[in-house]
C-alpha atoms as a PDB file:
ATOM      1  CA  GLN A   1      -5.944 -34.256 -53.686  1.00  0.00           C
ATOM      2  CA  PRO A   2      -8.182 -32.574 -56.021  1.00  0.00           C
ATOM      3  CA  SER A   3      -7.017 -29.457 -57.705  1.00  0.00           C
ATOM      4  CA  SER A   4      -8.000 -25.924 -56.557  1.00  0.00           C
ATOM      5  CA  HIS A   5      -7.630 -24.150 -60.051  1.00  0.00           C
ATOM      6  CA  CYS A   6      -8.668 -24.983 -63.611  1.00  0.00           C
ATOM      7  CA  ALA A   7      -7.280 -22.896 -66.610  1.00  0.00           C
ATOM      8  CA  VAL A   8      -9.606 -22.875 -69.702  1.00  0.00           C
ATOM      9  CA  ASN A   9      -8.051 -22.578 -73.033  1.00  0.00           C
ATOM     10  CA  CYS A  10     -10.122 -22.189 -76.483  1.00  0.00           C
ATOM     11  CA  ASN A  11      -8.187 -22.785 -79.419  1.00  0.00           C
ATOM     12  CA  ALA A  12      -4.755 -21.788 -78.033  1.00  0.00           C
ATOM     13  CA  GLN A  13      -1.590 -22.485 -80.099  1.00  0.00           C
ATOM     14  CA  PHE A  14       0.749 -22.628 -77.485  1.00  0.00           C
ATOM     15  CA  THR A  15       4.652 -22.373 -78.221  1.00  0.00           C
ATOM     16  CA  PRO A  16       7.272 -24.386 -76.622  1.00  0.00           C
ATOM     17  CA  HIS A  17       7.291 -23.270 -72.825  1.00  0.00           C
ATOM     18  CA  VAL A  18       7.356 -24.121 -69.015  1.00  0.00           C
ATOM     19  CA  ASP A  19       4.938 -23.128 -66.771  1.00  0.00           C
ATOM     20  CA  SER A  20       5.130 -19.795 -64.778  1.00  0.00           C
ATOM     21  CA  GLY A  21       2.536 -17.518 -62.927  1.00  0.00           C
ATOM     22  CA  ARG A  22      -0.214 -17.835 -61.161  1.00  0.00           C
ATOM     23  CA  GLY A  23       0.505 -21.776 -60.358  1.00  0.00           C
ATOM     24  CA  ALA A  24       4.202 -21.161 -58.815  1.00  0.00           C
ATOM     25  CA  GLY A  25       5.164 -23.954 -56.651  1.00  0.00           C
ATOM     26  CA  GLN A  26       2.576 -26.627 -58.198  1.00  0.00           C
ATOM     27  CA  LYS A  27       3.992 -30.425 -58.466  1.00  0.00           C
ATOM     28  CA  LEU A  28       1.745 -31.585 -61.394  1.00  0.00           C
ATOM     29  CA  SER A  29      -0.975 -30.422 -63.577  1.00  0.00           C
ATOM     30  CA  MET A  30      -3.580 -32.496 -65.598  1.00  0.00           C
ATOM     31  CA  ILE A  31      -4.751 -31.597 -68.940  1.00  0.00           C
ATOM     32  CA  VAL A  32      -7.534 -32.646 -71.159  1.00  0.00           C
ATOM     33  CA  GLY A  33      -8.725 -31.531 -74.617  1.00  0.00           C
ATOM     34  CA  LEU A  34     -12.212 -31.393 -75.564  1.00  0.00           C
ATOM     35  CA  GLY A  35     -14.053 -30.117 -78.784  1.00  0.00           C
ATOM     36  CA  ASP A  36     -14.159 -31.224 -82.555  1.00  0.00           C
ATOM     37  CA  TYR A  37     -10.528 -30.837 -83.883  1.00  0.00           C
ATOM     38  CA  VAL A  38      -7.854 -32.979 -85.587  1.00  0.00           C
ATOM     39  CA  GLY A  39      -4.491 -32.714 -84.437  1.00  0.00           C
ATOM     40  CA  GLY A  40      -3.474 -30.610 -81.322  1.00  0.00           C
ATOM     41  CA  GLU A  41      -1.460 -33.098 -79.570  1.00  0.00           C
ATOM     42  CA  LEU A  42       0.225 -31.914 -76.651  1.00  0.00           C
ATOM     43  CA  ARG A  43       4.100 -32.279 -76.963  1.00  0.00           C
ATOM     44  CA  VAL A  44       5.937 -33.059 -73.879  1.00  0.00           C
ATOM     45  CA  GLU A  45       9.662 -32.578 -73.986  1.00  0.00           C
ATOM     46  CA  GLY A  46       9.224 -33.924 -77.780  1.00  0.00           C
ATOM     47  CA  ASP A  47       7.022 -36.852 -76.815  1.00  0.00           C
ATOM     48  CA  ALA A  48       3.389 -36.478 -78.596  1.00  0.00           C
ATOM     49  CA  PHE A  49       0.265 -37.171 -76.402  1.00  0.00           C
ATOM     50  CA  ASP A  50      -3.227 -37.416 -77.532  1.00  0.00           C
ATOM     51  CA  ILE A  51      -5.344 -35.391 -75.130  1.00  0.00           C
ATOM     52  CA  GLN A  52      -8.819 -35.168 -77.062  1.00  0.00           C
ATOM     53  CA  TYR A  53     -10.957 -36.885 -74.130  1.00  0.00           C
ATOM     54  CA  LYS A  54      -7.949 -38.238 -72.484  1.00  0.00           C
ATOM     55  CA  PRO A  55      -6.425 -36.824 -69.508  1.00  0.00           C
ATOM     56  CA  LEU A  56      -2.654 -36.478 -69.041  1.00  0.00           C
ATOM     57  CA  VAL A  57      -0.847 -35.634 -65.720  1.00  0.00           C
ATOM     58  CA  PHE A  58       2.567 -34.036 -66.367  1.00  0.00           C
ATOM     59  CA  ASP A  59       5.213 -31.833 -64.580  1.00  0.00           C
ATOM     60  CA  GLY A  60       4.496 -28.296 -66.804  1.00  0.00           C
ATOM     61  CA  TRP A  61       6.772 -26.538 -64.231  1.00  0.00           C
ATOM     62  CA  LYS A  62       9.612 -28.635 -65.184  1.00  0.00           C
ATOM     63  CA  LEU A  63       9.211 -29.985 -68.588  1.00  0.00           C
ATOM     64  CA  ARG A  64       9.012 -27.973 -71.713  1.00  0.00           C
ATOM     65  CA  HIS A  65       5.568 -28.672 -73.702  1.00  0.00           C
ATOM     66  CA  TRP A  66       3.759 -27.450 -76.290  1.00  0.00           C
ATOM     67  CA  THR A  67       0.697 -27.759 -78.760  1.00  0.00           C
ATOM     68  CA  ASN A  68       0.885 -29.091 -82.299  1.00  0.00           C
ATOM     69  CA  PRO A  69      -1.108 -27.351 -84.799  1.00  0.00           C
ATOM     70  CA  PHE A  70      -4.836 -28.373 -85.201  1.00  0.00           C
ATOM     71  CA  ALA A  71      -7.780 -27.691 -87.503  1.00  0.00           C
ATOM     72  CA  GLY A  72     -11.306 -27.158 -85.457  1.00  0.00           C
ATOM     73  CA  GLU A  73     -12.729 -25.860 -82.306  1.00  0.00           C
ATOM     74  CA  ARG A  74      -9.978 -27.013 -79.706  1.00  0.00           C
ATOM     75  CA  PHE A  75     -10.704 -26.404 -75.757  1.00  0.00           C
ATOM     76  CA  SER A  76      -8.368 -27.527 -73.126  1.00  0.00           C
ATOM     77  CA  LEU A  77      -8.828 -27.663 -69.395  1.00  0.00           C
ATOM     78  CA  VAL A  78      -5.855 -27.634 -67.030  1.00  0.00           C
ATOM     79  CA  TYR A  79      -6.390 -28.388 -63.494  1.00  0.00           C
ATOM     80  CA  PHE A  80      -3.531 -27.542 -61.029  1.00  0.00           C
ATOM     81  CA  THR A  81      -2.925 -26.515 -57.441  1.00  0.00           C
ATOM     82  CA  PRO A  82      -0.470 -23.796 -56.546  1.00  0.00           C
ATOM     83  CA  GLU A  83       1.571 -24.254 -53.497  1.00  0.00           C
ATOM     84  CA  ALA A  84       0.401 -22.608 -50.386  1.00  0.00           C
ATOM     85  CA  LYS A  85       2.230 -19.550 -49.402  1.00  0.00           C
ATOM     86  CA  LYS A  86       4.364 -19.536 -46.405  1.00  0.00           C
ATOM     87  CA  ASP A  87       4.293 -16.486 -43.930  1.00  0.00           C
END
């Protein structure tokens, strides 16, 4: 199923968190890093993932995640689909 939303981050250094806000109710996200940078791995529950031009699917609503320090210009694209609102 394709994602309906994409968040674009530029040089964002996220501290440990779980997702909240606009994507409420989503199940999974896909993130990919773009740009000319060193470091900047995505940490998910302490495990490091190199996302530079390598997409990663994970549950950011349940799993604590953050960004390792980096040098250079780093963009990340986060694709997600919020749960449909029920009437």
